Amino acid sequence: MIHAGSGVIHARAFRELKRVADLLQAPVTTSWAARGNTALSVTVTACSTLGALVMTPFNTALWGGLNPPALAALLADFSIDTVVHLAAIVTPGPRSNRKREFSVDVDGTRRVLEACVGARVRRIVVTSSGAAYGYHADNPPLIDEHTPLRGNPEFAYSHHKRLVEEVLASYRASHPELAQLVFRIGTILGESTRNQITALFERPRLLGVRGATSPFVFAWDEDVVGAILHGLATGRNGVYNLAGDGALTLEQIAARLGKPCRYLPPGLLQAALTILRPLGLSRYGPGQVNFLRYRPVLDNRRLKQEFGYTPRLSSAATFELYARARGLLRG
C-alpha cells in the first residue's frame, strides 16, 4: 500500500505516484486534509487517473473518518506488509493554518505508524526532507545523515519534518519489528512540478538574501521513484539523504534562466513578508527567509555507497529538465 498526501497532488506528482503503484500493483491511500484532528484518508485506485478522479468523492465519504484502529483493520484485511507513506503539506493553501498542517504532517504520520503496528505491517517507507536538518547559519558545507535534526520552529514544514523524524525514531526504538526506510529528500523537481519553490524561479527576477551563499540541491522526481522502487526490491532499510550530485547557486540558476538576481537585506525582507503575508500578497512568510539564506546541502554518498542507488540526474541536470519543460531556459 502507498500512502500519499495532498502535497503529492498539489505538487502535480500524481503521475509519478501512479507509476510506482502500477509497478507494484499496490493500492493507494492519501491524507487529503484535516478536519478537526483527523487527517482524511482517500482511497485512490491505481488502475488509472480517470478511475482515481471518479472514485475520489465516494472514497472520501467511505474512508474520511479513518482512525488508527480502522486503518489497521484495512491494512490487515488486505494483508499489507509494506506501506509507503508520502503524506505532507508542501505548499499550504491560502486557508491553511499551523494546526491543520501539524495534524496532517505529524499526527497523520503518528496515526499511520500506530496502524502499521496494529496490523503487524513489516515495513514502512517514509519520504522525509532535508528540511528536517533546518536552515541555520552554522550548517556544515555538506550535511550527512549523522547531522543533528534542527528544523526551524518558525518554518512549519521544516519544524514538522523534524517532529516526524522524532516520531519515527521513537518507533524504531519501541517497535523494531516495524522496519523503516526513510529518505531525506532535497528539493524535488520534475517536468510538471509547480509549488512555492518553483515560483521563485518563474519570477521575472530571482530573489535572494544579501550575504547568502548556500546553493540548491535538487532531486529528480523520477529518481525519488527509482530510490523507493530500489528499496522495495532490495529490502534495504535505514535513513538516507536523497538528492542528485552537486548543487546550483542562485547565480548559476539565474544564468541558466537568463534572469537578473535581486538581493535584499534579510531584515528588510523579513519585515516586508511580515506585512505582505497576512494581506494575501505573498505566499511566503518571514519564517521562510532562512530557507533562502541557509539551505542544507545534502551529502548523498551513503545513498550511493550503502543503499546502492545512484541518482540518474545531477542537481544541475534536474533543474535544466524542469526549466526546459517549463520553457524557462535561456535560448
C-alpha atoms as a PDB file:
ATOM      1  CA  MET A   1       0.000   0.000   0.000  1.00  0.00           C
ATOM      2  CA  ILE A   2       1.183   3.515  -0.850  1.00  0.00           C
ATOM      3  CA  HIS A   3       0.018   6.290   1.485  1.00  0.00           C
ATOM      4  CA  ALA A   4       0.380   9.705  -0.123  1.00  0.00           C
ATOM      5  CA  GLY A   5      -0.664  13.203   0.818  1.00  0.00           C
ATOM      6  CA  SER A   6      -2.281  16.307  -0.549  1.00  0.00           C
ATOM      7  CA  GLY A   7       1.209  17.599  -1.291  1.00  0.00           C
ATOM      8  CA  VAL A   8       1.600  14.863  -3.898  1.00  0.00           C
ATOM      9  CA  ILE A   9      -1.447  16.121  -5.763  1.00  0.00           C
ATOM     10  CA  HIS A  10      -0.654  19.801  -5.262  1.00  0.00           C
ATOM     11  CA  ALA A  11       2.914  19.239  -6.498  1.00  0.00           C
ATOM     12  CA  ARG A  12       1.403  17.547  -9.568  1.00  0.00           C
ATOM     13  CA  ALA A  13       3.317  14.377  -8.767  1.00  0.00           C
ATOM     14  CA  PHE A  14       0.352  12.029  -9.153  1.00  0.00           C
ATOM     15  CA  ARG A  15       1.818  10.702 -12.424  1.00  0.00           C
ATOM     16  CA  GLU A  16       4.942   9.537 -10.615  1.00  0.00           C
ATOM     17  CA  LEU A  17       2.906   8.149  -7.710  1.00  0.00           C
ATOM     18  CA  LYS A  18       0.657   6.245 -10.108  1.00  0.00           C
ATOM     19  CA  ARG A  19       3.729   4.811 -11.862  1.00  0.00           C
ATOM     20  CA  VAL A  20       5.011   3.369  -8.581  1.00  0.00           C
ATOM     21  CA  ALA A  21       1.572   1.996  -7.738  1.00  0.00           C
ATOM     22  CA  ASP A  22       1.182   0.401 -11.163  1.00  0.00           C
ATOM     23  CA  LEU A  23       4.593  -1.237 -10.982  1.00  0.00           C
ATOM     24  CA  LEU A  24       3.853  -2.618  -7.536  1.00  0.00           C
ATOM     25  CA  GLN A  25       0.197  -3.380  -8.276  1.00  0.00           C
ATOM     26  CA  ALA A  26      -0.457  -1.589  -4.984  1.00  0.00           C
ATOM     27  CA  PRO A  27      -3.499   0.226  -3.601  1.00  0.00           C
ATOM     28  CA  VAL A  28      -3.017   3.897  -2.747  1.00  0.00           C
ATOM     29  CA  THR A  29      -4.343   5.978   0.144  1.00  0.00           C
ATOM     30  CA  THR A  30      -3.776   9.694   0.525  1.00  0.00           C
ATOM     31  CA  SER A  31      -4.229  12.042   3.505  1.00  0.00           C
ATOM     32  CA  TRP A  32      -6.109  14.837   1.803  1.00  0.00           C
ATOM     33  CA  ALA A  33      -6.962  17.277   4.568  1.00  0.00           C
ATOM     34  CA  ALA A  34      -7.533  17.564   8.277  1.00  0.00           C
ATOM     35  CA  ARG A  35     -10.968  18.157   9.716  1.00  0.00           C
ATOM     36  CA  GLY A  36     -10.709  18.755  13.424  1.00  0.00           C
ATOM     37  CA  ASN A  37      -7.865  16.488  14.461  1.00  0.00           C
ATOM     38  CA  THR A  38      -8.444  13.797  11.853  1.00  0.00           C
ATOM     39  CA  ALA A  39      -6.462  13.507   8.637  1.00  0.00           C
ATOM     40  CA  LEU A  40      -8.861  12.332   5.967  1.00  0.00           C
ATOM     41  CA  SER A  41      -7.937   9.235   4.012  1.00  0.00           C
ATOM     42  CA  VAL A  42      -8.958   8.891   0.425  1.00  0.00           C
ATOM     43  CA  THR A  43      -8.502   5.510  -1.183  1.00  0.00           C
ATOM     44  CA  VAL A  44      -7.446   6.057  -4.770  1.00  0.00           C
ATOM     45  CA  THR A  45      -7.395   3.262  -7.293  1.00  0.00           C
ATOM     46  CA  ALA A  46      -4.065   2.909  -9.035  1.00  0.00           C
ATOM     47  CA  CYS A  47      -5.622   1.493 -12.195  1.00  0.00           C
ATOM     48  CA  SER A  48      -5.951   4.832 -13.949  1.00  0.00           C
ATOM     49  CA  THR A  49      -6.085   8.555 -13.354  1.00  0.00           C
ATOM     50  CA  LEU A  50      -9.663   8.576 -14.598  1.00  0.00           C
ATOM     51  CA  GLY A  51     -10.599   5.890 -12.116  1.00  0.00           C
ATOM     52  CA  ALA A  52      -8.983   7.893  -9.331  1.00  0.00           C
ATOM     53  CA  LEU A  53     -10.939  11.010 -10.248  1.00  0.00           C
ATOM     54  CA  VAL A  54     -14.200   9.112 -10.399  1.00  0.00           C
ATOM     55  CA  MET A  55     -13.675   7.206  -7.158  1.00  0.00           C
ATOM     56  CA  THR A  56     -12.272  10.006  -5.008  1.00  0.00           C
ATOM     57  CA  PRO A  57     -15.606  11.550  -3.865  1.00  0.00           C
ATOM     58  CA  PHE A  58     -17.010   8.154  -2.932  1.00  0.00           C
ATOM     59  CA  ASN A  59     -13.858   7.061  -1.156  1.00  0.00           C
ATOM     60  CA  THR A  60     -13.647  10.337   0.763  1.00  0.00           C
ATOM     61  CA  ALA A  61     -17.038   9.609   2.308  1.00  0.00           C
ATOM     62  CA  LEU A  62     -16.106   5.988   2.940  1.00  0.00           C
ATOM     63  CA  TRP A  63     -12.657   6.458   4.450  1.00  0.00           C
ATOM     64  CA  GLY A  64     -12.820  10.086   5.585  1.00  0.00           C
ATOM     65  CA  GLY A  65     -13.080   9.230   9.274  1.00  0.00           C
ATOM     66  CA  LEU A  66     -10.306   6.683   9.463  1.00  0.00           C
ATOM     67  CA  ASN A  67      -8.567   6.356  12.815  1.00  0.00           C
ATOM     68  CA  PRO A  68      -5.628   4.047  13.653  1.00  0.00           C
ATOM     69  CA  PRO A  69      -7.779   1.001  14.569  1.00  0.00           C
ATOM     70  CA  ALA A  70      -9.848   1.403  11.400  1.00  0.00           C
ATOM     71  CA  LEU A  71      -6.761   1.886   9.256  1.00  0.00           C
ATOM     72  CA  ALA A  72      -5.104  -1.096  10.949  1.00  0.00           C
ATOM     73  CA  ALA A  73      -8.149  -3.200  10.086  1.00  0.00           C
ATOM     74  CA  LEU A  74      -7.941  -2.044   6.478  1.00  0.00           C
ATOM     75  CA  LEU A  75      -4.244  -2.931   6.309  1.00  0.00           C
ATOM     76  CA  ALA A  76      -4.903  -6.327   7.863  1.00  0.00           C
ATOM     77  CA  ASP A  77      -7.838  -7.048   5.534  1.00  0.00           C
ATOM     78  CA  PHE A  78      -5.563  -6.595   2.516  1.00  0.00           C
ATOM     79  CA  SER A  79      -2.596  -8.375   4.168  1.00  0.00           C
ATOM     80  CA  ILE A  80      -0.436  -5.313   3.590  1.00  0.00           C
ATOM     81  CA  ASP A  81       3.193  -5.952   4.559  1.00  0.00           C
ATOM     82  CA  THR A  82       4.747  -2.665   3.341  1.00  0.00           C
ATOM     83  CA  VAL A  83       3.382   0.888   3.493  1.00  0.00           C
ATOM     84  CA  VAL A  84       4.911   3.765   1.509  1.00  0.00           C
ATOM     85  CA  HIS A  85       3.997   6.940   3.383  1.00  0.00           C
ATOM     86  CA  LEU A  86       4.381  10.188   1.425  1.00  0.00           C
ATOM     87  CA  ALA A  87       1.890  12.429   3.207  1.00  0.00           C
ATOM     88  CA  ALA A  88       2.911  16.023   3.909  1.00  0.00           C
ATOM     89  CA  ILE A  89       1.704  19.540   3.167  1.00  0.00           C
ATOM     90  CA  VAL A  90       4.435  21.021   0.991  1.00  0.00           C
ATOM     91  CA  THR A  91       2.560  24.063  -0.271  1.00  0.00           C
ATOM     92  CA  PRO A  92      -0.080  25.246   2.225  1.00  0.00           C
ATOM     93  CA  GLY A  93      -3.222  26.685   0.707  1.00  0.00           C
ATOM     94  CA  PRO A  94      -4.423  30.222   1.452  1.00  0.00           C
ATOM     95  CA  ARG A  95      -6.825  28.940   4.130  1.00  0.00           C
ATOM     96  CA  SER A  96      -4.309  26.643   5.753  1.00  0.00           C
ATOM     97  CA  ASN A  97      -3.083  27.127   9.295  1.00  0.00           C
ATOM     98  CA  ARG A  98      -0.384  25.713  11.522  1.00  0.00           C
ATOM     99  CA  LYS A  99      -2.789  23.456  13.434  1.00  0.00           C
ATOM    100  CA  ARG A 100      -4.109  21.853  10.275  1.00  0.00           C
ATOM    101  CA  GLU A 101      -0.614  21.338   8.869  1.00  0.00           C
ATOM    102  CA  PHE A 102       0.549  19.748  12.129  1.00  0.00           C
ATOM    103  CA  SER A 103      -2.462  17.434  12.074  1.00  0.00           C
ATOM    104  CA  VAL A 104      -1.626  16.185   8.578  1.00  0.00           C
ATOM    105  CA  ASP A 105       2.177  16.164   8.809  1.00  0.00           C
ATOM    106  CA  VAL A 106       2.883  14.969  12.336  1.00  0.00           C
ATOM    107  CA  ASP A 107      -0.311  13.491  13.763  1.00  0.00           C
ATOM    108  CA  GLY A 108      -1.074  11.874  10.414  1.00  0.00           C
ATOM    109  CA  THR A 109       2.295  10.108  10.423  1.00  0.00           C
ATOM    110  CA  ARG A 110       1.799   9.023  14.021  1.00  0.00           C
ATOM    111  CA  ARG A 111      -1.583   7.538  13.146  1.00  0.00           C
ATOM    112  CA  VAL A 112      -0.165   5.669  10.158  1.00  0.00           C
ATOM    113  CA  LEU A 113       2.632   4.225  12.322  1.00  0.00           C
ATOM    114  CA  GLU A 114       0.167   3.220  15.017  1.00  0.00           C
ATOM    115  CA  ALA A 115      -1.977   1.492  12.410  1.00  0.00           C
ATOM    116  CA  CYS A 116       1.028  -0.289  10.904  1.00  0.00           C
ATOM    117  CA  VAL A 117       1.987  -1.690  14.296  1.00  0.00           C
ATOM    118  CA  GLY A 118      -1.594  -2.706  14.965  1.00  0.00           C
ATOM    119  CA  ALA A 119      -1.820  -4.526  11.640  1.00  0.00           C
ATOM    120  CA  ARG A 120       1.640  -6.099  12.036  1.00  0.00           C
ATOM    121  CA  VAL A 121       2.908  -4.445   8.887  1.00  0.00           C
ATOM    122  CA  ARG A 122       6.538  -5.447   8.441  1.00  0.00           C
ATOM    123  CA  ARG A 123       7.926  -2.304   6.837  1.00  0.00           C
ATOM    124  CA  ILE A 124       7.238   1.368   6.203  1.00  0.00           C
ATOM    125  CA  VAL A 125       8.937   3.630   3.669  1.00  0.00           C
ATOM    126  CA  VAL A 126       8.732   7.346   4.524  1.00  0.00           C
ATOM    127  CA  THR A 127       9.669  10.368   2.443  1.00  0.00           C
ATOM    128  CA  SER A 128      11.099  12.936   4.832  1.00  0.00           C
ATOM    129  CA  SER A 129      13.023  16.021   3.755  1.00  0.00           C
ATOM    130  CA  GLY A 130      16.369  17.733   4.043  1.00  0.00           C
ATOM    131  CA  ALA A 131      14.309  20.494   5.676  1.00  0.00           C
ATOM    132  CA  ALA A 132      14.382  18.383   8.852  1.00  0.00           C
ATOM    133  CA  TYR A 133      18.023  19.413   9.306  1.00  0.00           C
ATOM    134  CA  GLY A 134      16.910  23.028   9.418  1.00  0.00           C
ATOM    135  CA  TYR A 135      18.101  26.236   7.844  1.00  0.00           C
ATOM    136  CA  HIS A 136      20.871  27.504  10.091  1.00  0.00           C
ATOM    137  CA  ALA A 137      23.924  29.722   9.713  1.00  0.00           C
ATOM    138  CA  ASP A 138      26.186  27.057  11.228  1.00  0.00           C
ATOM    139  CA  ASN A 139      25.091  24.213   8.949  1.00  0.00           C
ATOM    140  CA  PRO A 140      28.148  22.291   7.694  1.00  0.00           C
ATOM    141  CA  PRO A 141      29.018  22.697   3.989  1.00  0.00           C
ATOM    142  CA  LEU A 142      27.811  19.125   3.386  1.00  0.00           C
ATOM    143  CA  ILE A 143      25.173  17.545   5.584  1.00  0.00           C
ATOM    144  CA  ASP A 144      25.238  13.796   6.105  1.00  0.00           C
ATOM    145  CA  GLU A 145      22.740  11.595   7.896  1.00  0.00           C
ATOM    146  CA  HIS A 146      24.536  11.956  11.246  1.00  0.00           C
ATOM    147  CA  THR A 147      23.981  15.722  11.331  1.00  0.00           C
ATOM    148  CA  PRO A 148      21.518  16.696  14.117  1.00  0.00           C
ATOM    149  CA  LEU A 149      17.965  17.452  13.045  1.00  0.00           C
ATOM    150  CA  ARG A 150      17.188  21.072  13.987  1.00  0.00           C
ATOM    151  CA  GLY A 151      14.192  22.014  11.860  1.00  0.00           C
ATOM    152  CA  ASN A 152      13.264  25.657  12.303  1.00  0.00           C
ATOM    153  CA  PRO A 153      10.243  26.269  14.605  1.00  0.00           C
ATOM    154  CA  GLU A 154       9.341  29.424  12.663  1.00  0.00           C
ATOM    155  CA  PHE A 155       9.022  27.447   9.391  1.00  0.00           C
ATOM    156  CA  ALA A 156       6.162  24.952   9.714  1.00  0.00           C
ATOM    157  CA  TYR A 157       7.304  22.499   7.034  1.00  0.00           C
ATOM    158  CA  SER A 158      10.850  22.281   8.411  1.00  0.00           C
ATOM    159  CA  HIS A 159       9.675  22.048  12.019  1.00  0.00           C
ATOM    160  CA  HIS A 160       7.103  19.371  11.236  1.00  0.00           C
ATOM    161  CA  LYS A 161       9.617  17.278   9.307  1.00  0.00           C
ATOM    162  CA  ARG A 162      11.891  17.313  12.347  1.00  0.00           C
ATOM    163  CA  LEU A 163       8.996  16.291  14.596  1.00  0.00           C
ATOM    164  CA  VAL A 164       8.021  13.498  12.182  1.00  0.00           C
ATOM    165  CA  GLU A 165      11.579  12.202  12.333  1.00  0.00           C
ATOM    166  CA  GLU A 166      11.421  12.223  16.129  1.00  0.00           C
ATOM    167  CA  VAL A 167       8.251  10.134  15.955  1.00  0.00           C
ATOM    168  CA  LEU A 168       9.967   7.740  13.546  1.00  0.00           C
ATOM    169  CA  ALA A 169      12.993   7.429  15.835  1.00  0.00           C
ATOM    170  CA  SER A 170      10.706   6.697  18.772  1.00  0.00           C
ATOM    171  CA  TYR A 171       9.002   3.914  16.812  1.00  0.00           C
ATOM    172  CA  ARG A 172      12.367   2.470  15.744  1.00  0.00           C
ATOM    173  CA  ALA A 173      13.215   2.124  19.427  1.00  0.00           C
ATOM    174  CA  SER A 174       9.837   0.915  20.695  1.00  0.00           C
ATOM    175  CA  HIS A 175       8.751  -1.166  17.689  1.00  0.00           C
ATOM    176  CA  PRO A 176      11.819  -2.630  15.997  1.00  0.00           C
ATOM    177  CA  GLU A 177       9.563  -5.209  14.351  1.00  0.00           C
ATOM    178  CA  LEU A 178       8.367  -2.411  12.020  1.00  0.00           C
ATOM    179  CA  ALA A 179      11.366  -1.845   9.752  1.00  0.00           C
ATOM    180  CA  GLN A 180      11.852   1.688   8.377  1.00  0.00           C
ATOM    181  CA  LEU A 181      13.326   3.109   5.198  1.00  0.00           C
ATOM    182  CA  VAL A 182      13.463   6.916   5.402  1.00  0.00           C
ATOM    183  CA  PHE A 183      14.560   9.283   2.641  1.00  0.00           C
ATOM    184  CA  ARG A 184      15.566  12.859   3.459  1.00  0.00           C
ATOM    185  CA  ILE A 185      14.984  14.435   0.087  1.00  0.00           C
ATOM    186  CA  GLY A 186      16.303  17.650  -1.434  1.00  0.00           C
ATOM    187  CA  THR A 187      14.126  19.992  -3.473  1.00  0.00           C
ATOM    188  CA  ILE A 188      12.134  17.750  -5.819  1.00  0.00           C
ATOM    189  CA  LEU A 189      11.813  18.888  -9.424  1.00  0.00           C
ATOM    190  CA  GLY A 190      10.268  17.291 -12.486  1.00  0.00           C
ATOM    191  CA  GLU A 191       8.720  18.334 -15.754  1.00  0.00           C
ATOM    192  CA  SER A 192       5.376  19.211 -14.146  1.00  0.00           C
ATOM    193  CA  THR A 193       6.480  20.391 -10.691  1.00  0.00           C
ATOM    194  CA  ARG A 194       4.847  23.604  -9.508  1.00  0.00           C
ATOM    195  CA  ASN A 195       4.972  24.824  -5.908  1.00  0.00           C
ATOM    196  CA  GLN A 196       6.150  27.721  -3.787  1.00  0.00           C
ATOM    197  CA  ILE A 197       9.785  26.856  -4.546  1.00  0.00           C
ATOM    198  CA  THR A 198       9.410  26.729  -8.328  1.00  0.00           C
ATOM    199  CA  ALA A 199       7.503  30.006  -8.093  1.00  0.00           C
ATOM    200  CA  LEU A 200      10.821  31.604  -7.101  1.00  0.00           C
ATOM    201  CA  PHE A 201      12.337  30.545 -10.421  1.00  0.00           C
ATOM    202  CA  GLU A 202       9.414  31.752 -12.531  1.00  0.00           C
ATOM    203  CA  ARG A 203       9.562  35.359 -11.374  1.00  0.00           C
ATOM    204  CA  PRO A 204      10.956  37.991 -13.787  1.00  0.00           C
ATOM    205  CA  ARG A 205      13.949  38.327 -11.489  1.00  0.00           C
ATOM    206  CA  LEU A 206      15.213  35.923  -8.853  1.00  0.00           C
ATOM    207  CA  LEU A 207      15.051  36.982  -5.233  1.00  0.00           C
ATOM    208  CA  GLY A 208      17.964  36.304  -2.908  1.00  0.00           C
ATOM    209  CA  VAL A 209      19.145  37.364   0.524  1.00  0.00           C
ATOM    210  CA  ARG A 210      22.196  39.551   0.728  1.00  0.00           C
ATOM    211  CA  GLY A 211      25.195  37.618   2.026  1.00  0.00           C
ATOM    212  CA  ALA A 212      23.617  34.183   1.478  1.00  0.00           C
ATOM    213  CA  THR A 213      25.775  31.692  -0.400  1.00  0.00           C
ATOM    214  CA  SER A 214      24.239  28.251   0.199  1.00  0.00           C
ATOM    215  CA  PRO A 215      23.218  26.525  -3.063  1.00  0.00           C
ATOM    216  CA  PHE A 216      20.218  24.411  -4.017  1.00  0.00           C
ATOM    217  CA  VAL A 217      20.348  20.626  -4.240  1.00  0.00           C
ATOM    218  CA  PHE A 218      17.671  19.052  -6.427  1.00  0.00           C
ATOM    219  CA  ALA A 219      16.214  15.562  -6.684  1.00  0.00           C
ATOM    220  CA  TRP A 220      14.589  14.492  -9.954  1.00  0.00           C
ATOM    221  CA  ASP A 221      11.105  13.180  -9.236  1.00  0.00           C
ATOM    222  CA  GLU A 222      11.903  10.057 -11.272  1.00  0.00           C
ATOM    223  CA  ASP A 223      14.926   9.461  -9.009  1.00  0.00           C
ATOM    224  CA  VAL A 224      12.672   9.646  -5.958  1.00  0.00           C
ATOM    225  CA  VAL A 225      10.518   6.974  -7.584  1.00  0.00           C
ATOM    226  CA  GLY A 226      13.615   4.991  -8.503  1.00  0.00           C
ATOM    227  CA  ALA A 227      15.010   5.078  -4.982  1.00  0.00           C
ATOM    228  CA  ILE A 228      11.700   3.920  -3.497  1.00  0.00           C
ATOM    229  CA  LEU A 229      11.498   1.058  -6.002  1.00  0.00           C
ATOM    230  CA  HIS A 230      15.120   0.118  -5.292  1.00  0.00           C
ATOM    231  CA  GLY A 231      14.385  -0.014  -1.583  1.00  0.00           C
ATOM    232  CA  LEU A 232      11.288  -2.129  -2.105  1.00  0.00           C
ATOM    233  CA  ALA A 233      13.168  -4.514  -4.392  1.00  0.00           C
ATOM    234  CA  THR A 234      16.248  -4.917  -2.191  1.00  0.00           C
ATOM    235  CA  GLY A 235      14.631  -4.786   1.236  1.00  0.00           C
ATOM    236  CA  ARG A 236      17.258  -2.345   2.490  1.00  0.00           C
ATOM    237  CA  ASN A 237      16.308  -0.185   5.466  1.00  0.00           C
ATOM    238  CA  GLY A 238      17.837   2.860   7.115  1.00  0.00           C
ATOM    239  CA  VAL A 239      17.914   6.643   6.721  1.00  0.00           C
ATOM    240  CA  TYR A 240      19.388   8.201   3.580  1.00  0.00           C
ATOM    241  CA  ASN A 241      19.740  11.641   2.035  1.00  0.00           C
ATOM    242  CA  LEU A 242      18.303  11.700  -1.479  1.00  0.00           C
ATOM    243  CA  ALA A 243      19.457  14.308  -3.989  1.00  0.00           C
ATOM    244  CA  GLY A 244      21.320  14.474  -7.250  1.00  0.00           C
ATOM    245  CA  ASP A 245      25.071  15.019  -7.317  1.00  0.00           C
ATOM    246  CA  GLY A 246      26.327  18.576  -6.986  1.00  0.00           C
ATOM    247  CA  ALA A 247      24.435  21.792  -6.333  1.00  0.00           C
ATOM    248  CA  LEU A 248      23.488  25.059  -8.018  1.00  0.00           C
ATOM    249  CA  THR A 249      23.934  28.531  -6.581  1.00  0.00           C
ATOM    250  CA  LEU A 250      21.296  31.190  -7.167  1.00  0.00           C
ATOM    251  CA  GLU A 251      23.708  32.915  -9.574  1.00  0.00           C
ATOM    252  CA  GLN A 252      24.096  29.708 -11.586  1.00  0.00           C
ATOM    253  CA  ILE A 253      20.327  29.277 -11.726  1.00  0.00           C
ATOM    254  CA  ALA A 254      19.883  32.888 -12.827  1.00  0.00           C
ATOM    255  CA  ALA A 255      22.494  32.433 -15.570  1.00  0.00           C
ATOM    256  CA  ARG A 256      20.667  29.374 -16.920  1.00  0.00           C
ATOM    257  CA  LEU A 257      17.394  31.283 -16.942  1.00  0.00           C
ATOM    258  CA  GLY A 258      18.888  34.489 -18.284  1.00  0.00           C
ATOM    259  CA  LYS A 259      17.362  36.443 -15.413  1.00  0.00           C
ATOM    260  CA  PRO A 260      18.814  39.030 -13.028  1.00  0.00           C
ATOM    261  CA  CYS A 261      19.085  38.452  -9.281  1.00  0.00           C
ATOM    262  CA  ARG A 262      17.864  40.936  -6.726  1.00  0.00           C
ATOM    263  CA  TYR A 263      19.404  40.677  -3.270  1.00  0.00           C
ATOM    264  CA  LEU A 264      17.648  42.185  -0.264  1.00  0.00           C
ATOM    265  CA  PRO A 265      18.944  42.607   3.305  1.00  0.00           C
ATOM    266  CA  PRO A 266      17.472  39.834   5.487  1.00  0.00           C
ATOM    267  CA  GLY A 267      15.895  42.272   7.950  1.00  0.00           C
ATOM    268  CA  LEU A 268      14.145  44.207   5.197  1.00  0.00           C
ATOM    269  CA  LEU A 269      12.878  41.002   3.578  1.00  0.00           C
ATOM    270  CA  GLN A 270      11.534  39.668   6.880  1.00  0.00           C
ATOM    271  CA  ALA A 271       9.754  42.934   7.608  1.00  0.00           C
ATOM    272  CA  ALA A 272       8.196  43.039   4.137  1.00  0.00           C
ATOM    273  CA  LEU A 273       6.949  39.442   4.343  1.00  0.00           C
ATOM    274  CA  THR A 274       5.569  40.061   7.833  1.00  0.00           C
ATOM    275  CA  ILE A 275       3.308  42.693   6.276  1.00  0.00           C
ATOM    276  CA  LEU A 276       2.562  41.073   2.914  1.00  0.00           C
ATOM    277  CA  ARG A 277       1.706  37.512   4.016  1.00  0.00           C
ATOM    278  CA  PRO A 278      -1.323  38.405   6.208  1.00  0.00           C
ATOM    279  CA  LEU A 279      -2.627  40.604   3.381  1.00  0.00           C
ATOM    280  CA  GLY A 280      -2.501  37.684   0.964  1.00  0.00           C
ATOM    281  CA  LEU A 281       0.072  39.477  -1.191  1.00  0.00           C
ATOM    282  CA  SER A 282       2.793  36.860  -0.739  1.00  0.00           C
ATOM    283  CA  ARG A 283       2.758  33.092  -0.331  1.00  0.00           C
ATOM    284  CA  TYR A 284       5.936  33.387   1.744  1.00  0.00           C
ATOM    285  CA  GLY A 285       6.195  34.364   5.385  1.00  0.00           C
ATOM    286  CA  PRO A 286       9.057  35.814   7.432  1.00  0.00           C
ATOM    287  CA  GLY A 287       9.862  32.335   8.743  1.00  0.00           C
ATOM    288  CA  GLN A 288      10.963  31.303   5.273  1.00  0.00           C
ATOM    289  CA  VAL A 289      13.724  33.880   4.918  1.00  0.00           C
ATOM    290  CA  ASN A 290      16.263  31.469   6.365  1.00  0.00           C
ATOM    291  CA  PHE A 291      15.222  28.989   3.672  1.00  0.00           C
ATOM    292  CA  LEU A 292      16.811  31.390   1.196  1.00  0.00           C
ATOM    293  CA  ARG A 293      19.843  32.019   3.384  1.00  0.00           C
ATOM    294  CA  TYR A 294      20.985  28.701   4.832  1.00  0.00           C
ATOM    295  CA  ARG A 295      19.795  25.802   2.684  1.00  0.00           C
ATOM    296  CA  PRO A 296      21.104  22.390   3.791  1.00  0.00           C
ATOM    297  CA  VAL A 297      23.381  20.883   1.130  1.00  0.00           C
ATOM    298  CA  LEU A 298      22.779  17.129   1.279  1.00  0.00           C
ATOM    299  CA  ASP A 299      25.615  14.625   1.056  1.00  0.00           C
ATOM    300  CA  ASN A 300      24.336  11.639  -0.954  1.00  0.00           C
ATOM    301  CA  ARG A 301      27.357   9.344  -0.533  1.00  0.00           C
ATOM    302  CA  ARG A 302      25.588   6.855   1.746  1.00  0.00           C
ATOM    303  CA  LEU A 303      22.687   6.667  -0.709  1.00  0.00           C
ATOM    304  CA  LYS A 304      25.112   5.559  -3.405  1.00  0.00           C
ATOM    305  CA  GLN A 305      27.628   3.527  -1.439  1.00  0.00           C
ATOM    306  CA  GLU A 306      25.494   1.818   1.225  1.00  0.00           C
ATOM    307  CA  PHE A 307      21.936   1.897  -0.083  1.00  0.00           C
ATOM    308  CA  GLY A 308      23.113   1.139  -3.606  1.00  0.00           C
ATOM    309  CA  TYR A 309      21.150   3.724  -5.584  1.00  0.00           C
ATOM    310  CA  THR A 310      22.857   6.354  -7.738  1.00  0.00           C
ATOM    311  CA  PRO A 311      20.590   9.197  -8.896  1.00  0.00           C
ATOM    312  CA  ARG A 312      20.390   9.303 -12.665  1.00  0.00           C
ATOM    313  CA  LEU A 313      20.340  13.098 -12.850  1.00  0.00           C
ATOM    314  CA  SER A 314      22.577  15.581 -11.056  1.00  0.00           C
ATOM    315  CA  SER A 315      21.152  18.681  -9.396  1.00  0.00           C
ATOM    316  CA  ALA A 316      22.095  20.732 -12.456  1.00  0.00           C
ATOM    317  CA  ALA A 317      20.573  18.271 -14.921  1.00  0.00           C
ATOM    318  CA  THR A 318      17.410  18.042 -12.811  1.00  0.00           C
ATOM    319  CA  PHE A 319      16.980  21.798 -12.818  1.00  0.00           C
ATOM    320  CA  GLU A 320      17.584  22.024 -16.558  1.00  0.00           C
ATOM    321  CA  LEU A 321      14.995  19.299 -17.228  1.00  0.00           C
ATOM    322  CA  TYR A 322      12.431  21.209 -15.159  1.00  0.00           C
ATOM    323  CA  ALA A 323      13.301  24.585 -16.693  1.00  0.00           C
ATOM    324  CA  ARG A 324      13.222  23.243 -20.240  1.00  0.00           C
ATOM    325  CA  ALA A 325       9.791  21.671 -19.687  1.00  0.00           C
ATOM    326  CA  ARG A 326       8.505  24.982 -18.308  1.00  0.00           C
ATOM    327  CA  GLY A 327      10.018  26.972 -21.173  1.00  0.00           C
ATOM    328  CA  LEU A 328      12.306  28.889 -18.825  1.00  0.00           C
ATOM    329  CA  LEU A 329      15.754  28.090 -20.205  1.00  0.00           C
ATOM    330  CA  ARG A 330      17.551  30.944 -21.924  1.00  0.00           C
ATOM    331  CA  GLY A 331      17.831  30.276 -25.649  1.00  0.00           C
END
